[in-house]
Amino acid sequence: MEILRNIIMIIVFILVGSFLVLRYLSAKDYASLTLSPDSGISELMDSLSIEPVNELWVALDFDLMSTENNSISLSQHRGKFVILGFWTTW
């Protein structure tokens, strides 16, 4: 039983160590990404290897409440680069 416990602990240490190394390496890649205030969206997309969408489509407009209790609609940001993150708790 002692041997099994030691093997499991070694496997856990290897997995945690691998995870930390991978996190460090990926953070190092993003740390090299620096944008000046006058950089445009094309430079950002090039640096992240994002291809522009060739076909035009418009997202449906919707309204959300901000943390300051203001109504914000998607159409207010038309023509701008928008990232939406929806979080929920159950």
Protein backbone atom coordinates (compact mmCIF):
# COMPACT_ATOMS: atom_id res chain seq x y z
CA MET A 1 0.00 0.00 0.00
CA GLU A 2 2.91 2.34 0.77
CA ILE A 3 4.38 1.75 -2.72
CA LEU A 4 1.07 2.58 -4.41
CA ARG A 5 0.78 5.82 -2.42
CA ASN A 6 4.33 6.82 -3.42
CA ILE A 7 3.65 6.08 -7.10
CA ILE A 8 0.48 8.17 -7.02
CA MET A 9 2.35 11.06 -5.36
CA ILE A 10 5.10 10.91 -8.00
CA ILE A 11 2.51 10.97 -10.80
CA VAL A 12 0.75 13.95 -9.20
CA PHE A 13 4.05 15.85 -8.86
CA ILE A 14 4.92 15.16 -12.49
CA LEU A 15 1.49 16.34 -13.68
CA VAL A 16 1.57 19.50 -11.57
CA GLY A 17 5.14 20.27 -12.65
CA SER A 18 4.23 19.78 -16.32
CA PHE A 19 1.24 22.06 -15.92
CA LEU A 20 3.35 24.80 -14.33
CA VAL A 21 6.02 24.55 -17.04
CA LEU A 22 3.40 24.80 -19.79
CA ARG A 23 1.77 27.79 -18.09
CA TYR A 24 5.16 29.51 -17.84
CA LEU A 25 5.96 28.87 -21.49
CA SER A 26 2.59 30.12 -22.74
CA ALA A 27 2.78 33.23 -20.53
CA LYS A 28 6.23 33.93 -21.93
CA ASP A 29 4.84 33.83 -25.49
CA TYR A 30 2.13 36.37 -24.66
CA ALA A 31 4.54 38.59 -22.72
CA SER A 32 6.39 39.30 -25.96
CA LEU A 33 3.19 40.71 -27.46
CA THR A 34 3.35 44.46 -26.90
CA LEU A 35 1.19 46.96 -28.69
CA SER A 36 1.75 50.67 -28.83
CA PRO A 37 -1.23 53.00 -28.32
CA ASP A 38 -1.26 53.85 -32.04
CA SER A 39 -1.39 50.19 -33.14
CA GLY A 40 -4.46 49.28 -35.13
CA ILE A 41 -6.58 46.20 -35.28
CA SER A 42 -4.65 44.81 -38.26
CA GLU A 43 -1.40 44.72 -36.25
CA LEU A 44 -3.20 42.98 -33.39
CA MET A 45 -4.72 40.41 -35.71
CA ASP A 46 -1.36 39.81 -37.42
CA SER A 47 0.44 39.35 -34.10
CA LEU A 48 -2.17 36.81 -32.95
CA SER A 49 -2.27 35.07 -36.37
CA ILE A 50 -5.98 35.80 -36.77
CA GLU A 51 -7.34 35.78 -40.31
CA PRO A 52 -9.87 38.49 -41.18
CA VAL A 53 -13.39 37.36 -42.02
CA ASN A 54 -14.03 37.78 -45.73
CA GLU A 55 -17.77 37.47 -45.58
CA LEU A 56 -19.73 40.27 -43.91
CA TRP A 57 -22.38 39.43 -41.35
CA VAL A 58 -23.94 41.51 -38.61
CA ALA A 59 -24.56 40.20 -35.11
CA LEU A 60 -28.01 40.67 -33.68
CA ASP A 61 -28.28 43.70 -31.42
CA PHE A 62 -28.91 43.17 -27.72
CA ASP A 63 -28.84 45.22 -24.52
CA LEU A 64 -27.06 44.42 -21.27
CA MET A 65 -26.80 46.18 -17.94
CA SER A 66 -23.33 47.31 -16.90
CA THR A 67 -21.98 47.09 -13.37
CA GLU A 68 -22.82 50.80 -13.05
CA ASN A 69 -26.47 49.96 -13.89
CA ASN A 70 -26.28 51.57 -17.37
CA SER A 71 -27.82 49.98 -20.45
CA ILE A 72 -25.23 49.03 -23.07
CA SER A 73 -26.17 47.78 -26.53
CA LEU A 74 -23.97 46.01 -29.03
CA SER A 75 -24.90 48.56 -31.72
CA GLN A 76 -23.16 51.29 -29.68
CA HIS A 77 -19.86 49.59 -30.53
CA ARG A 78 -20.44 49.03 -34.25
CA GLY A 79 -17.17 49.14 -36.19
CA LYS A 80 -15.08 48.39 -33.10
CA PHE A 81 -13.38 45.18 -32.02
CA VAL A 82 -15.64 43.63 -29.33
CA ILE A 83 -14.92 40.61 -27.14
CA LEU A 84 -17.87 39.27 -25.18
CA GLY A 85 -17.42 37.09 -22.14
CA PHE A 86 -20.59 35.62 -20.63
CA TRP A 87 -20.27 34.28 -17.10
CA THR A 88 -22.94 32.57 -15.10
CA THR A 89 -23.43 30.83 -11.80
CA TRP A 90 -25.90 28.07 -11.19
